Amino acid sequence: MTDVFVIRNQLGHYWGKSKAWVDGSEARAVMRAKHQDEAINTLFELSSKDIDLRGEVIAAELSQRGEPVIESSQIPLVLEAETEAETGTTEPEDSPTDEVAATEPDAPAEPTAPTAQSV
């Protein structure tokens, strides 16, 4: 008997309760739906945001602990690259712009506005 439905993508990752993809190694973190149409609606919403997503709704039984019995993905999650892209920290620390700025001579001070002088 099928107890719950889970969503799995083309890489074998599962949609998690935290609204992010998880690898399935921790079954308690996987989002589960009691009804198949609920899982299909969620998959539809996900695929409308990500056109490259190829997902499927999988029927899973619950273990004695109430967690879905699923096979974890062998493909690692790509969280580090996404976080770097979002925060903009992909530039290396020793960037060439820092070296050029350090070797250029100091620029002359900008001229000041003329002041009123008495004759």
C-alpha atoms as a PDB file:
ATOM      1  CA  MET A   1       0.000   0.000   0.000  1.00  0.00           C
ATOM      2  CA  THR A   2       1.261   3.472  -0.921  1.00  0.00           C
ATOM      3  CA  ASP A   3       1.385   5.776   2.063  1.00  0.00           C
ATOM      4  CA  VAL A   4       2.877   9.018   0.630  1.00  0.00           C
ATOM      5  CA  PHE A   5       4.093  10.617  -2.577  1.00  0.00           C
ATOM      6  CA  VAL A   6       7.446  12.353  -3.037  1.00  0.00           C
ATOM      7  CA  ILE A   7       8.907  14.423  -5.882  1.00  0.00           C
ATOM      8  CA  ARG A   8      12.184  13.365  -7.508  1.00  0.00           C
ATOM      9  CA  ASN A   9      14.083  15.244 -10.222  1.00  0.00           C
ATOM     10  CA  GLN A  10      16.231  13.946 -13.084  1.00  0.00           C
ATOM     11  CA  LEU A  11      19.336  13.845 -10.843  1.00  0.00           C
ATOM     12  CA  GLY A  12      17.634  11.670  -8.232  1.00  0.00           C
ATOM     13  CA  HIS A  13      17.259  14.528  -5.729  1.00  0.00           C
ATOM     14  CA  TYR A  14      14.050  14.939  -3.766  1.00  0.00           C
ATOM     15  CA  TRP A  15      12.054  18.084  -3.070  1.00  0.00           C
ATOM     16  CA  GLY A  16      12.549  18.905   0.599  1.00  0.00           C
ATOM     17  CA  LYS A  17      10.413  20.377   3.332  1.00  0.00           C
ATOM     18  CA  SER A  18      12.735  23.400   3.339  1.00  0.00           C
ATOM     19  CA  LYS A  19      11.673  24.153  -0.249  1.00  0.00           C
ATOM     20  CA  ALA A  20      15.029  23.096  -1.676  1.00  0.00           C
ATOM     21  CA  TRP A  21      16.361  19.943  -3.307  1.00  0.00           C
ATOM     22  CA  VAL A  22      17.855  17.344  -0.949  1.00  0.00           C
ATOM     23  CA  ASP A  23      19.780  14.181  -1.820  1.00  0.00           C
ATOM     24  CA  GLY A  24      17.490  11.868   0.146  1.00  0.00           C
ATOM     25  CA  SER A  25      20.091  10.676   2.636  1.00  0.00           C
ATOM     26  CA  GLU A  26      17.930  12.119   5.410  1.00  0.00           C
ATOM     27  CA  ALA A  27      14.431  10.902   4.636  1.00  0.00           C
ATOM     28  CA  ARG A  28      12.847  13.134   7.283  1.00  0.00           C
ATOM     29  CA  ALA A  29      13.870  16.219   5.236  1.00  0.00           C
ATOM     30  CA  VAL A  30      11.958  15.071   2.137  1.00  0.00           C
ATOM     31  CA  MET A  31       8.588  16.692   1.458  1.00  0.00           C
ATOM     32  CA  ARG A  32       5.784  14.146   1.355  1.00  0.00           C
ATOM     33  CA  ALA A  33       2.214  14.471   0.194  1.00  0.00           C
ATOM     34  CA  LYS A  34      -0.664  12.270   1.264  1.00  0.00           C
ATOM     35  CA  HIS A  35      -2.412  12.671  -2.061  1.00  0.00           C
ATOM     36  CA  GLN A  36      -0.936  12.205  -5.525  1.00  0.00           C
ATOM     37  CA  ASP A  37      -2.651  15.286  -6.971  1.00  0.00           C
ATOM     38  CA  GLU A  38      -1.073  17.462  -4.272  1.00  0.00           C
ATOM     39  CA  ALA A  39       2.393  16.221  -5.270  1.00  0.00           C
ATOM     40  CA  ILE A  40       1.592  16.706  -8.974  1.00  0.00           C
ATOM     41  CA  ASN A  41       0.508  20.314  -8.311  1.00  0.00           C
ATOM     42  CA  THR A  42       3.755  20.989  -6.451  1.00  0.00           C
ATOM     43  CA  LEU A  43       5.770  19.460  -9.301  1.00  0.00           C
ATOM     44  CA  PHE A  44       3.868  21.615 -11.795  1.00  0.00           C
ATOM     45  CA  GLU A  45       4.693  24.760  -9.799  1.00  0.00           C
ATOM     46  CA  LEU A  46       8.364  23.765  -9.593  1.00  0.00           C
ATOM     47  CA  SER A  47       8.602  23.047 -13.310  1.00  0.00           C
ATOM     48  CA  SER A  48       6.962  26.371 -14.173  1.00  0.00           C
ATOM     49  CA  LYS A  49       9.811  28.134 -12.328  1.00  0.00           C
ATOM     50  CA  ASP A  50      12.565  25.882 -13.725  1.00  0.00           C
ATOM     51  CA  ILE A  51      12.017  24.887 -17.360  1.00  0.00           C
ATOM     52  CA  ASP A  52      14.942  22.436 -17.270  1.00  0.00           C
ATOM     53  CA  LEU A  53      13.377  20.412 -14.462  1.00  0.00           C
ATOM     54  CA  ARG A  54      12.412  16.858 -15.352  1.00  0.00           C
ATOM     55  CA  GLY A  55      10.640  15.584 -12.282  1.00  0.00           C
ATOM     56  CA  GLU A  56       8.345  12.775 -11.359  1.00  0.00           C
ATOM     57  CA  VAL A  57       6.003  11.911  -8.523  1.00  0.00           C
ATOM     58  CA  ILE A  58       7.054   8.693  -6.781  1.00  0.00           C
ATOM     59  CA  ALA A  59       4.877   6.599  -4.507  1.00  0.00           C
ATOM     60  CA  ALA A  60       6.693   5.651  -1.301  1.00  0.00           C
ATOM     61  CA  GLU A  61       5.848   3.602   1.741  1.00  0.00           C
ATOM     62  CA  LEU A  62       6.470   4.916   5.228  1.00  0.00           C
ATOM     63  CA  SER A  63       8.929   3.273   7.563  1.00  0.00           C
ATOM     64  CA  GLN A  64       8.104   2.468  11.175  1.00  0.00           C
ATOM     65  CA  ARG A  65       9.472   5.901  12.104  1.00  0.00           C
ATOM     66  CA  GLY A  66       7.054   7.595   9.683  1.00  0.00           C
ATOM     67  CA  GLU A  67       9.710   8.523   7.108  1.00  0.00           C
ATOM     68  CA  PRO A  68       9.426   7.688   3.394  1.00  0.00           C
ATOM     69  CA  VAL A  69      11.453   4.690   2.256  1.00  0.00           C
ATOM     70  CA  ILE A  70      13.508   6.158  -0.617  1.00  0.00           C
ATOM     71  CA  GLU A  71      16.840   5.599  -2.310  1.00  0.00           C
ATOM     72  CA  SER A  72      19.281   8.488  -1.847  1.00  0.00           C
ATOM     73  CA  SER A  73      20.876  10.108  -4.880  1.00  0.00           C
ATOM     74  CA  GLN A  74      24.447   9.262  -5.879  1.00  0.00           C
ATOM     75  CA  ILE A  75      24.843  12.695  -7.522  1.00  0.00           C
ATOM     76  CA  PRO A  76      25.931  15.399  -5.059  1.00  0.00           C
ATOM     77  CA  LEU A  77      23.898  18.570  -4.660  1.00  0.00           C
ATOM     78  CA  VAL A  78      25.201  21.734  -6.297  1.00  0.00           C
ATOM     79  CA  LEU A  79      24.594  24.023  -3.331  1.00  0.00           C
ATOM     80  CA  GLU A  80      28.045  25.620  -3.078  1.00  0.00           C
ATOM     81  CA  ALA A  81      28.091  26.944  -6.638  1.00  0.00           C
ATOM     82  CA  GLU A  82      24.569  28.354  -6.310  1.00  0.00           C
ATOM     83  CA  THR A  83      25.347  30.081  -3.004  1.00  0.00           C
ATOM     84  CA  GLU A  84      28.487  31.661  -4.427  1.00  0.00           C
ATOM     85  CA  ALA A  85      26.552  32.904  -7.444  1.00  0.00           C
ATOM     86  CA  GLU A  86      23.836  34.406  -5.242  1.00  0.00           C
ATOM     87  CA  THR A  87      26.260  36.152  -2.881  1.00  0.00           C
ATOM     88  CA  GLY A  88      28.681  37.216  -5.620  1.00  0.00           C
ATOM     89  CA  THR A  89      31.762  35.770  -3.919  1.00  0.00           C
ATOM     90  CA  THR A  90      33.107  33.966  -6.970  1.00  0.00           C
ATOM     91  CA  GLU A  91      35.923  36.508  -7.542  1.00  0.00           C
ATOM     92  CA  PRO A  92      39.264  35.241  -6.223  1.00  0.00           C
ATOM     93  CA  GLU A  93      40.909  37.137  -3.396  1.00  0.00           C
ATOM     94  CA  ASP A  94      44.046  37.992  -5.407  1.00  0.00           C
ATOM     95  CA  SER A  95      42.312  39.694  -8.295  1.00  0.00           C
ATOM     96  CA  PRO A  96      44.363  41.526 -10.935  1.00  0.00           C
ATOM     97  CA  THR A  97      42.478  44.760 -10.274  1.00  0.00           C
ATOM     98  CA  ASP A  98      43.952  44.899  -6.774  1.00  0.00           C
ATOM     99  CA  GLU A  99      47.490  44.477  -8.129  1.00  0.00           C
ATOM    100  CA  VAL A 100      47.046  47.195 -10.766  1.00  0.00           C
ATOM    101  CA  ALA A 101      45.645  49.603  -8.208  1.00  0.00           C
ATOM    102  CA  ALA A 102      48.608  48.934  -5.930  1.00  0.00           C
ATOM    103  CA  THR A 103      51.221  49.587  -8.641  1.00  0.00           C
ATOM    104  CA  GLU A 104      49.709  52.780 -10.114  1.00  0.00           C
ATOM    105  CA  PRO A 105      51.039  56.045  -8.688  1.00  0.00           C
ATOM    106  CA  ASP A 106      48.727  58.141  -6.624  1.00  0.00           C
ATOM    107  CA  ALA A 107      46.535  60.337  -8.750  1.00  0.00           C
ATOM    108  CA  PRO A 108      46.934  64.077  -8.269  1.00  0.00           C
ATOM    109  CA  ALA A 109      44.411  65.706  -6.026  1.00  0.00           C
ATOM    110  CA  GLU A 110      41.422  67.194  -7.745  1.00  0.00           C
ATOM    111  CA  PRO A 111      41.623  70.937  -8.178  1.00  0.00           C
ATOM    112  CA  THR A 112      39.598  72.876  -5.660  1.00  0.00           C
ATOM    113  CA  ALA A 113      36.983  75.393  -6.604  1.00  0.00           C
ATOM    114  CA  PRO A 114      38.260  78.954  -6.851  1.00  0.00           C
ATOM    115  CA  THR A 115      37.675  81.035  -3.747  1.00  0.00           C
ATOM    116  CA  ALA A 116      36.697  84.663  -3.661  1.00  0.00           C
ATOM    117  CA  GLN A 117      39.716  86.925  -3.319  1.00  0.00           C
ATOM    118  CA  SER A 118      39.635  90.561  -2.396  1.00  0.00           C
ATOM    119  CA  VAL A 119      41.464  93.007  -4.613  1.00  0.00           C
END
